Amino acid sequence: MAKTSPGEFMRQVQAEARKVVWPSRQETVVTAVMVGIMMVILAVFFLGIDTLFGWVVRQLLTLA
């Protein structure tokens, strides 16, 4: 593999950076809201699982 000079490397980086398509403000907001909703759903889910497992362990410990 041939070595690339620093100047050529920077030109390649700039060329690739120009190809980036940034999301619109609306897409960013919608994505952020969806991430927030999923975080709440998963937090409630894991709270329920943790509570259930805690109850099961407490029940098993009372048998000992």
PDB file of N, CA and C in Angstrom:
ATOM      1  N   MET A   1       0.851  -1.171   0.000  1.00  0.00           N
ATOM      2  CA  MET A   1       0.000   0.000   0.000  1.00  0.00           C
ATOM      3  C   MET A   1       0.898   1.236   0.000  1.00  0.00           C
ATOM      4  N   ALA A   2       0.609   2.176  -0.865  1.00  0.00           N
ATOM      5  CA  ALA A   2       1.419   3.392  -0.984  1.00  0.00           C
ATOM      6  C   ALA A   2       1.092   4.366   0.135  1.00  0.00           C
ATOM      7  N   LYS A   3       2.121   5.075   0.579  1.00  0.00           N
ATOM      8  CA  LYS A   3       1.899   6.089   1.620  1.00  0.00           C
ATOM      9  C   LYS A   3       1.262   7.312   0.994  1.00  0.00           C
ATOM     10  N   THR A   4       0.369   7.943   1.749  1.00  0.00           N
ATOM     11  CA  THR A   4      -0.309   9.145   1.288  1.00  0.00           C
ATOM     12  C   THR A   4       0.288  10.336   2.024  1.00  0.00           C
ATOM     13  N   SER A   5       0.573  11.394   1.276  1.00  0.00           N
ATOM     14  CA  SER A   5       1.134  12.583   1.911  1.00  0.00           C
ATOM     15  C   SER A   5       0.063  13.240   2.780  1.00  0.00           C
ATOM     16  N   PRO A   6       0.471  13.984   3.796  1.00  0.00           N
ATOM     17  CA  PRO A   6      -0.526  14.657   4.662  1.00  0.00           C
ATOM     18  C   PRO A   6      -1.459  15.581   3.876  1.00  0.00           C
ATOM     19  N   GLY A   7      -0.922  16.287   2.891  1.00  0.00           N
ATOM     20  CA  GLY A   7      -1.765  17.178   2.077  1.00  0.00           C
ATOM     21  C   GLY A   7      -2.818  16.403   1.304  1.00  0.00           C
ATOM     22  N   GLU A   8      -2.412  15.291   0.685  1.00  0.00           N
ATOM     23  CA  GLU A   8      -3.360  14.454  -0.064  1.00  0.00           C
ATOM     24  C   GLU A   8      -4.396  13.849   0.878  1.00  0.00           C
ATOM     25  N   PHE A   9      -3.944  13.430   2.052  1.00  0.00           N
ATOM     26  CA  PHE A   9      -4.870  12.876   3.046  1.00  0.00           C
ATOM     27  C   PHE A   9      -5.940  13.905   3.407  1.00  0.00           C
ATOM     28  N   MET A  10      -5.525  15.146   3.670  1.00  0.00           N
ATOM     29  CA  MET A  10      -6.495  16.193   4.023  1.00  0.00           C
ATOM     30  C   MET A  10      -7.467  16.463   2.878  1.00  0.00           C
ATOM     31  N   ARG A  11      -6.981  16.432   1.633  1.00  0.00           N
ATOM     32  CA  ARG A  11      -7.882  16.625   0.481  1.00  0.00           C
ATOM     33  C   ARG A  11      -8.915  15.495   0.404  1.00  0.00           C
ATOM     34  N   GLN A  12      -8.459  14.269   0.681  1.00  0.00           N
ATOM     35  CA  GLN A  12      -9.383  13.132   0.668  1.00  0.00           C
ATOM     36  C   GLN A  12     -10.417  13.246   1.787  1.00  0.00           C
ATOM     37  N   VAL A  13      -9.970  13.685   2.971  1.00  0.00           N
ATOM     38  CA  VAL A  13     -10.896  13.864   4.090  1.00  0.00           C
ATOM     39  C   VAL A  13     -11.939  14.917   3.746  1.00  0.00           C
ATOM     40  N   GLN A  14     -11.502  16.037   3.170  1.00  0.00           N
ATOM     41  CA  GLN A  14     -12.443  17.093   2.797  1.00  0.00           C
ATOM     42  C   GLN A  14     -13.418  16.607   1.730  1.00  0.00           C
ATOM     43  N   ALA A  15     -12.933  15.830   0.775  1.00  0.00           N
ATOM     44  CA  ALA A  15     -13.811  15.303  -0.282  1.00  0.00           C
ATOM     45  C   ALA A  15     -14.865  14.378   0.318  1.00  0.00           C
ATOM     46  N   GLU A  16     -14.460  13.536   1.269  1.00  0.00           N
ATOM     47  CA  GLU A  16     -15.422  12.635   1.910  1.00  0.00           C
ATOM     48  C   GLU A  16     -16.402  13.416   2.789  1.00  0.00           C
ATOM     49  N   ALA A  17     -15.911  14.451   3.469  1.00  0.00           N
ATOM     50  CA  ALA A  17     -16.776  15.251   4.342  1.00  0.00           C
ATOM     51  C   ALA A  17     -17.860  15.964   3.530  1.00  0.00           C
ATOM     52  N   ARG A  18     -17.536  16.338   2.295  1.00  0.00           N
ATOM     53  CA  ARG A  18     -18.547  17.000   1.452  1.00  0.00           C
ATOM     54  C   ARG A  18     -19.663  16.036   1.040  1.00  0.00           C
ATOM     55  N   LYS A  19     -19.410  14.732   1.115  1.00  0.00           N
ATOM     56  CA  LYS A  19     -20.420  13.738   0.738  1.00  0.00           C
ATOM     57  C   LYS A  19     -21.424  13.469   1.858  1.00  0.00           C
ATOM     58  N   VAL A  20     -21.134  13.958   3.062  1.00  0.00           N
ATOM     59  CA  VAL A  20     -22.008  13.688   4.204  1.00  0.00           C
ATOM     60  C   VAL A  20     -23.341  14.405   4.007  1.00  0.00           C
ATOM     61  N   VAL A  21     -24.430  13.673   4.234  1.00  0.00           N
ATOM     62  CA  VAL A  21     -25.769  14.250   4.158  1.00  0.00           C
ATOM     63  C   VAL A  21     -26.291  14.376   5.586  1.00  0.00           C
ATOM     64  N   TRP A  22     -26.422  15.595   6.073  1.00  0.00           N
ATOM     65  CA  TRP A  22     -26.860  15.825   7.440  1.00  0.00           C
ATOM     66  C   TRP A  22     -28.378  15.754   7.509  1.00  0.00           C
ATOM     67  N   PRO A  23     -28.920  15.222   8.614  1.00  0.00           N
ATOM     68  CA  PRO A  23     -30.385  15.168   8.753  1.00  0.00           C
ATOM     69  C   PRO A  23     -30.956  16.571   8.938  1.00  0.00           C
ATOM     70  N   SER A  24     -32.213  16.705   8.537  1.00  0.00           N
ATOM     71  CA  SER A  24     -32.875  18.001   8.721  1.00  0.00           C
ATOM     72  C   SER A  24     -33.209  18.188  10.205  1.00  0.00           C
ATOM     73  N   ARG A  25     -33.594  19.410  10.562  1.00  0.00           N
ATOM     74  CA  ARG A  25     -33.964  19.689  11.952  1.00  0.00           C
ATOM     75  C   ARG A  25     -35.140  18.808  12.380  1.00  0.00           C
ATOM     76  N   GLN A  26     -36.128  18.646  11.481  1.00  0.00           N
ATOM     77  CA  GLN A  26     -37.299  17.835  11.811  1.00  0.00           C
ATOM     78  C   GLN A  26     -36.904  16.377  12.027  1.00  0.00           C
ATOM     79  N   GLU A  27     -36.035  15.838  11.177  1.00  0.00           N
ATOM     80  CA  GLU A  27     -35.587  14.451  11.351  1.00  0.00           C
ATOM     81  C   GLU A  27     -34.858  14.273  12.680  1.00  0.00           C
ATOM     82  N   THR A  28     -34.050  15.261  13.040  1.00  0.00           N
ATOM     83  CA  THR A  28     -33.310  15.195  14.302  1.00  0.00           C
ATOM     84  C   THR A  28     -34.255  15.219  15.484  1.00  0.00           C
ATOM     85  N   VAL A  29     -35.262  16.096  15.444  1.00  0.00           N
ATOM     86  CA  VAL A  29     -36.222  16.198  16.545  1.00  0.00           C
ATOM     87  C   VAL A  29     -37.030  14.907  16.667  1.00  0.00           C
ATOM     88  N   VAL A  30     -37.510  14.386  15.548  1.00  0.00           N
ATOM     89  CA  VAL A  30     -38.305  13.154  15.571  1.00  0.00           C
ATOM     90  C   VAL A  30     -37.471  11.997  16.122  1.00  0.00           C
ATOM     91  N   THR A  31     -36.227  11.900  15.686  1.00  0.00           N
ATOM     92  CA  THR A  31     -35.358  10.830  16.175  1.00  0.00           C
ATOM     93  C   THR A  31     -35.115  10.979  17.672  1.00  0.00           C
ATOM     94  N   ALA A  32     -34.873  12.199  18.140  1.00  0.00           N
ATOM     95  CA  ALA A  32     -34.634  12.426  19.562  1.00  0.00           C
ATOM     96  C   ALA A  32     -35.865  12.066  20.389  1.00  0.00           C
ATOM     97  N   VAL A  33     -37.050  12.408  19.898  1.00  0.00           N
ATOM     98  CA  VAL A  33     -38.289  12.072  20.613  1.00  0.00           C
ATOM     99  C   VAL A  33     -38.467  10.554  20.666  1.00  0.00           C
ATOM    100  N   MET A  34     -38.198   9.880  19.562  1.00  0.00           N
ATOM    101  CA  MET A  34     -38.336   8.421  19.540  1.00  0.00           C
ATOM    102  C   MET A  34     -37.342   7.767  20.501  1.00  0.00           C
ATOM    103  N   VAL A  35     -36.133   8.280  20.566  1.00  0.00           N
ATOM    104  CA  VAL A  35     -35.137   7.752  21.500  1.00  0.00           C
ATOM    105  C   VAL A  35     -35.624   7.956  22.935  1.00  0.00           C
ATOM    106  N   GLY A  36     -36.176   9.126  23.225  1.00  0.00           N
ATOM    107  CA  GLY A  36     -36.710   9.390  24.568  1.00  0.00           C
ATOM    108  C   GLY A  36     -37.837   8.431  24.926  1.00  0.00           C
ATOM    109  N   ILE A  37     -38.750   8.199  23.986  1.00  0.00           N
ATOM    110  CA  ILE A  37     -39.868   7.283  24.230  1.00  0.00           C
ATOM    111  C   ILE A  37     -39.355   5.867  24.484  1.00  0.00           C
ATOM    112  N   MET A  38     -38.397   5.418  23.669  1.00  0.00           N
ATOM    113  CA  MET A  38     -37.843   4.083  23.850  1.00  0.00           C
ATOM    114  C   MET A  38     -37.120   3.957  25.189  1.00  0.00           C
ATOM    115  N   MET A  39     -36.442   5.022  25.623  1.00  0.00           N
ATOM    116  CA  MET A  39     -35.766   4.995  26.920  1.00  0.00           C
ATOM    117  C   MET A  39     -36.771   4.813  28.047  1.00  0.00           C
ATOM    118  N   VAL A  40     -37.890   5.528  27.973  1.00  0.00           N
ATOM    119  CA  VAL A  40     -38.914   5.410  29.016  1.00  0.00           C
ATOM    120  C   VAL A  40     -39.521   4.004  29.003  1.00  0.00           C
ATOM    121  N   ILE A  41     -39.841   3.492  27.819  1.00  0.00           N
ATOM    122  CA  ILE A  41     -40.424   2.145  27.722  1.00  0.00           C
ATOM    123  C   ILE A  41     -39.464   1.106  28.300  1.00  0.00           C
ATOM    124  N   LEU A  42     -38.198   1.185  27.919  1.00  0.00           N
ATOM    125  CA  LEU A  42     -37.226   0.213  28.424  1.00  0.00           C
ATOM    126  C   LEU A  42     -36.993   0.374  29.921  1.00  0.00           C
ATOM    127  N   ALA A  43     -36.991   1.608  30.421  1.00  0.00           N
ATOM    128  CA  ALA A  43     -36.808   1.821  31.856  1.00  0.00           C
ATOM    129  C   ALA A  43     -37.954   1.181  32.637  1.00  0.00           C
ATOM    130  N   VAL A  44     -39.186   1.372  32.172  1.00  0.00           N
ATOM    131  CA  VAL A  44     -40.348   0.768  32.843  1.00  0.00           C
ATOM    132  C   VAL A  44     -40.281  -0.753  32.749  1.00  0.00           C
ATOM    133  N   PHE A  45     -39.900  -1.275  31.592  1.00  0.00           N
ATOM    134  CA  PHE A  45     -39.776  -2.716  31.409  1.00  0.00           C
ATOM    135  C   PHE A  45     -38.765  -3.305  32.389  1.00  0.00           C
ATOM    136  N   PHE A  46     -37.569  -2.710  32.446  1.00  0.00           N
ATOM    137  CA  PHE A  46     -36.536  -3.247  33.329  1.00  0.00           C
ATOM    138  C   PHE A  46     -36.874  -3.032  34.797  1.00  0.00           C
ATOM    139  N   LEU A  47     -37.601  -1.975  35.126  1.00  0.00           N
ATOM    140  CA  LEU A  47     -38.085  -1.790  36.497  1.00  0.00           C
ATOM    141  C   LEU A  47     -39.030  -2.940  36.858  1.00  0.00           C
ATOM    142  N   GLY A  48     -39.920  -3.288  35.944  1.00  0.00           N
ATOM    143  CA  GLY A  48     -40.846  -4.398  36.188  1.00  0.00           C
ATOM    144  C   GLY A  48     -40.124  -5.720  36.342  1.00  0.00           C
ATOM    145  N   ILE A  49     -39.158  -5.997  35.464  1.00  0.00           N
ATOM    146  CA  ILE A  49     -38.399  -7.247  35.549  1.00  0.00           C
ATOM    147  C   ILE A  49     -37.622  -7.301  36.860  1.00  0.00           C
ATOM    148  N   ASP A  50     -36.974  -6.187  37.225  1.00  0.00           N
ATOM    149  CA  ASP A  50     -36.188  -6.139  38.456  1.00  0.00           C
ATOM    150  C   ASP A  50     -37.085  -6.334  39.675  1.00  0.00           C
ATOM    151  N   THR A  51     -38.245  -5.703  39.675  1.00  0.00           N
ATOM    152  CA  THR A  51     -39.185  -5.862  40.786  1.00  0.00           C
ATOM    153  C   THR A  51     -39.655  -7.310  40.885  1.00  0.00           C
ATOM    154  N   LEU A  52     -39.982  -7.914  39.747  1.00  0.00           N
ATOM    155  CA  LEU A  52     -40.420  -9.306  39.731  1.00  0.00           C
ATOM    156  C   LEU A  52     -39.335 -10.235  40.259  1.00  0.00           C
ATOM    157  N   PHE A  53     -38.108 -10.088  39.762  1.00  0.00           N
ATOM    158  CA  PHE A  53     -37.021 -10.945  40.229  1.00  0.00           C
ATOM    159  C   PHE A  53     -36.736 -10.725  41.709  1.00  0.00           C
ATOM    160  N   GLY A  54     -36.812  -9.473  42.160  1.00  0.00           N
ATOM    161  CA  GLY A  54     -36.618  -9.195  43.581  1.00  0.00           C
ATOM    162  C   GLY A  54     -37.658  -9.893  44.430  1.00  0.00           C
ATOM    163  N   TRP A  55     -38.907  -9.864  43.985  1.00  0.00           N
ATOM    164  CA  TRP A  55     -39.984 -10.533  44.713  1.00  0.00           C
ATOM    165  C   TRP A  55     -39.747 -12.044  44.757  1.00  0.00           C
ATOM    166  N   VAL A  56     -39.345 -12.626  43.600  1.00  0.00           N
ATOM    167  CA  VAL A  56     -39.080 -14.069  43.534  1.00  0.00           C
ATOM    168  C   VAL A  56     -37.955 -14.439  44.493  1.00  0.00           C
ATOM    169  N   VAL A  57     -36.888 -13.671  44.511  1.00  0.00           N
ATOM    170  CA  VAL A  57     -35.763 -13.965  45.401  1.00  0.00           C
ATOM    171  C   VAL A  57     -36.205 -13.863  46.859  1.00  0.00           C
ATOM    172  N   ARG A  58     -36.982 -12.832  47.190  1.00  0.00           N
ATOM    173  CA  ARG A  58     -37.486 -12.700  48.568  1.00  0.00           C
ATOM    174  C   ARG A  58     -38.334 -13.901  48.955  1.00  0.00           C
ATOM    175  N   GLN A  59     -39.176 -14.375  48.046  1.00  0.00           N
ATOM    176  CA  GLN A  59     -40.012 -15.535  48.321  1.00  0.00           C
ATOM    177  C   GLN A  59     -39.159 -16.785  48.539  1.00  0.00           C
ATOM    178  N   LEU A  60     -38.127 -16.953  47.711  1.00  0.00           N
ATOM    179  CA  LEU A  60     -37.254 -18.109  47.847  1.00  0.00           C
ATOM    180  C   LEU A  60     -36.471 -18.045  49.163  1.00  0.00           C
ATOM    181  N   LEU A  61     -36.051 -16.864  49.569  1.00  0.00           N
ATOM    182  CA  LEU A  61     -35.296 -16.728  50.810  1.00  0.00           C
ATOM    183  C   LEU A  61     -36.154 -16.989  52.035  1.00  0.00           C
ATOM    184  N   THR A  62     -37.456 -16.734  51.931  1.00  0.00           N
ATOM    185  CA  THR A  62     -38.336 -17.015  53.089  1.00  0.00           C
ATOM    186  C   THR A  62     -38.538 -18.518  53.270  1.00  0.00           C
ATOM    187  N   LEU A  63     -38.283 -19.296  52.210  1.00  0.00           N
ATOM    188  CA  LEU A  63     -38.424 -20.759  52.310  1.00  0.00           C
ATOM    189  C   LEU A  63     -37.244 -21.382  53.034  1.00  0.00           C
ATOM    190  N   ALA A  64     -36.118 -20.691  53.072  1.00  0.00           N
ATOM    191  CA  ALA A  64     -34.899 -21.270  53.652  1.00  0.00           C
ATOM    192  C   ALA A  64     -34.923 -21.221  55.176  1.00  0.00           C
TER     193      ALA A  64
END
